[in-house]
Amino acid sequence: MPPEQASAPGPGWHRRGILLAALALAATPARALGTVSTWTTQEAHDGLLADSSRVIDIRSRTEWSETGVGAGVWPLSMHDPNFPARLFAAKELAGDRPLGLICATGGRSGAVMAAILRAGYPGYADIPEGMMGSDHGPGWIGRGLPVVPIDTALAALPARLR
């Protein structure tokens, strides 16, 4: 279902929305906070294959169109005004499995992780290599991990995240 047709947010949304409204302003990388879980792109991919984790790609639709989306990764752009609600819905769908966040090179995922950590939400992990690679590693694409076209990734999204 398109975000504009999604049902009303559940209890706690107002608090969550306020806490995550600062996502765009979060400048401290999550790794600097010292308590963040980080995965390599290989670990993220292995977790997807083992069904022991979930991963969301927080880049823009333009970026997804240019590079594709990691196979099995849920594309949920942080640029979408409904991102906080969709982020928490993804975590709920993940259940007890951790939810990894990936962007292009780790900057945006680190900023979102910093906001999540400051707000006290557990169960998330940063993938600082990103899709394109960074000083943390070669990235999803650089490792030759599978990608799918954006239309395929969007079609595979659980209904609650559409």
Protein backbone atom coordinates (compact mmCIF):
# COMPACT_ATOMS: atom_id res chain seq x y z
CA MET A 1 0.00 0.00 0.00
CA PRO A 2 1.43 3.45 -0.83
CA PRO A 3 2.62 5.38 2.25
CA GLU A 4 -0.16 7.93 1.85
CA GLN A 5 -2.72 5.10 2.16
CA ALA A 6 -1.08 3.48 5.17
CA SER A 7 -3.14 3.09 8.29
CA ALA A 8 -2.77 5.54 11.14
CA PRO A 9 0.42 5.10 13.16
CA GLY A 10 0.10 2.99 16.27
CA PRO A 11 0.77 3.88 19.90
CA GLY A 12 4.11 5.51 20.51
CA TRP A 13 4.32 6.97 17.00
CA HIS A 14 4.23 10.57 18.23
CA ARG A 15 7.19 9.98 20.56
CA ARG A 16 9.03 8.01 17.90
CA GLY A 17 8.32 10.65 15.28
CA ILE A 18 9.66 13.42 17.46
CA LEU A 19 12.74 11.43 18.40
CA LEU A 20 13.51 10.55 14.79
CA ALA A 21 12.56 13.88 13.27
CA ALA A 22 16.16 14.86 13.87
CA LEU A 23 17.40 12.17 11.47
CA ALA A 24 18.20 14.71 8.83
CA LEU A 25 20.19 16.72 11.36
CA ALA A 26 22.00 13.83 13.05
CA ALA A 27 25.66 14.44 12.33
CA THR A 28 27.46 12.20 14.81
CA PRO A 29 28.33 8.87 13.19
CA ALA A 30 26.85 6.02 15.19
CA ARG A 31 30.26 4.36 15.39
CA ALA A 32 31.50 7.36 17.40
CA LEU A 33 28.94 6.58 20.10
CA GLY A 34 30.75 3.32 20.76
CA THR A 35 27.74 1.06 21.37
CA VAL A 36 26.52 0.38 17.87
CA SER A 37 26.45 -3.02 16.24
CA THR A 38 28.14 -2.99 12.85
CA TRP A 39 28.16 -5.59 10.10
CA THR A 40 30.20 -6.00 6.97
CA THR A 41 28.19 -6.27 3.79
CA GLN A 42 29.10 -9.97 3.67
CA GLU A 43 27.70 -10.45 7.19
CA ALA A 44 24.53 -8.61 6.18
CA HIS A 45 24.12 -10.78 3.10
CA ASP A 46 24.80 -13.97 5.07
CA GLY A 47 22.19 -12.92 7.65
CA LEU A 48 19.61 -12.45 4.90
CA LEU A 49 20.38 -15.88 3.45
CA ALA A 50 20.13 -17.48 6.91
CA ASP A 51 16.91 -15.54 7.66
CA SER A 52 18.57 -14.32 10.86
CA SER A 53 18.37 -10.60 10.02
CA ARG A 54 16.71 -8.03 7.80
CA VAL A 55 18.31 -5.10 5.98
CA ILE A 56 16.91 -1.81 4.72
CA ASP A 57 18.53 0.42 2.10
CA ILE A 58 17.93 4.04 3.10
CA ARG A 59 19.28 5.65 -0.09
CA SER A 60 17.18 7.62 -2.58
CA ARG A 61 15.16 6.12 -5.41
CA THR A 62 17.60 7.69 -7.88
CA GLU A 63 20.48 5.83 -6.24
CA TRP A 64 18.53 2.56 -6.26
CA SER A 65 17.81 3.07 -9.97
CA GLU A 66 21.49 3.65 -10.71
CA THR A 67 22.93 0.67 -8.82
CA GLY A 68 20.08 -1.66 -7.98
CA VAL A 69 19.24 -2.81 -4.45
CA GLY A 70 20.88 -5.66 -2.60
CA ALA A 71 18.96 -8.90 -3.16
CA GLY A 72 16.61 -9.42 -0.22
CA VAL A 73 17.11 -5.86 1.04
CA TRP A 74 14.05 -3.67 1.65
CA PRO A 75 14.33 -0.24 -0.05
CA LEU A 76 13.01 2.39 2.43
CA SER A 77 14.38 5.81 1.59
CA MET A 78 15.22 8.10 4.48
CA HIS A 79 14.13 10.93 2.17
CA ASP A 80 10.51 9.72 2.32
CA PRO A 81 8.48 11.87 4.75
CA ASN A 82 7.02 8.63 6.18
CA PHE A 83 10.47 7.15 6.83
CA PRO A 84 10.21 7.02 10.65
CA ALA A 85 6.93 5.10 10.50
CA ARG A 86 8.27 2.78 7.81
CA LEU A 87 11.51 2.22 9.76
CA PHE A 88 9.60 1.12 12.86
CA ALA A 89 7.23 -1.00 10.76
CA ALA A 90 10.27 -2.75 9.25
CA LYS A 91 11.64 -3.42 12.73
CA GLU A 92 8.30 -4.86 13.81
CA LEU A 93 8.25 -7.11 10.75
CA ALA A 94 11.81 -8.22 11.53
CA GLY A 95 10.62 -9.43 14.93
CA ASP A 96 13.51 -10.66 17.06
CA ARG A 97 15.92 -10.40 14.12
CA PRO A 98 18.20 -7.37 14.02
CA LEU A 99 17.57 -4.78 11.30
CA GLY A 100 20.62 -3.55 9.39
CA LEU A 101 20.79 -0.14 7.73
CA ILE A 102 22.78 0.47 4.56
CA CYS A 103 23.33 3.55 2.39
CA ALA A 104 25.95 4.38 -0.26
CA THR A 105 29.09 4.77 1.89
CA GLY A 106 27.99 4.60 5.53
CA GLY A 107 27.43 8.29 6.27
CA ARG A 108 23.65 8.36 6.26
CA SER A 109 23.25 4.94 7.88
CA GLY A 110 25.62 6.10 10.62
CA ALA A 111 23.60 9.27 11.18
CA VAL A 112 20.32 7.34 11.37
CA MET A 113 21.94 4.83 13.74
CA ALA A 114 23.13 7.67 15.97
CA ALA A 115 19.56 8.99 16.24
CA ILE A 116 18.21 5.50 16.94
CA LEU A 117 20.81 4.92 19.64
CA ARG A 118 20.19 8.29 21.27
CA ALA A 119 16.49 7.46 21.35
CA GLY A 120 17.24 4.14 23.04
CA TYR A 121 15.88 1.71 20.44
CA PRO A 122 17.66 -1.69 20.36
CA GLY A 123 17.90 -4.21 17.56
CA TYR A 124 19.51 -2.19 14.78
CA ALA A 125 22.91 -2.50 13.10
CA ASP A 126 24.93 -0.21 10.84
CA ILE A 127 26.53 -1.47 7.63
CA PRO A 128 29.24 1.20 7.26
CA GLU A 129 30.75 -0.20 4.04
CA GLY A 130 27.57 0.82 2.26
CA MET A 131 26.64 -0.23 -1.23
CA MET A 132 29.54 1.59 -2.88
CA GLY A 133 32.31 0.93 -0.36
CA SER A 134 34.09 3.09 2.18
CA ASP A 135 37.13 2.98 4.43
CA HIS A 136 35.28 0.16 6.23
CA GLY A 137 35.35 -2.18 3.23
CA PRO A 138 34.60 -2.63 -0.46
CA GLY A 139 30.81 -2.40 -0.13
CA TRP A 140 27.98 -4.60 -1.33
CA ILE A 141 28.68 -3.98 -5.01
CA GLY A 142 32.47 -4.18 -4.61
CA ARG A 143 32.14 -7.60 -2.97
CA GLY A 144 30.07 -8.78 -5.91
CA LEU A 145 27.03 -9.49 -3.75
CA PRO A 146 23.76 -9.86 -5.68
CA VAL A 147 21.64 -6.86 -6.60
CA VAL A 148 18.19 -6.60 -8.15
CA PRO A 149 16.54 -3.80 -10.13
CA ILE A 150 14.56 -1.29 -8.09
CA ASP A 151 11.23 -2.48 -9.48
CA THR A 152 11.99 -6.03 -8.34
CA ALA A 153 12.99 -4.82 -4.86
CA LEU A 154 9.88 -2.66 -4.50
CA ALA A 155 7.61 -5.50 -5.66
CA ALA A 156 9.15 -7.77 -3.00
CA LEU A 157 8.47 -5.34 -0.14
CA PRO A 158 6.04 -6.64 2.46
CA ALA A 159 2.64 -4.97 1.95
CA ARG A 160 2.98 -3.09 5.22
CA LEU A 161 6.09 -1.29 3.94
CA ARG A 162 4.69 -0.19 0.57
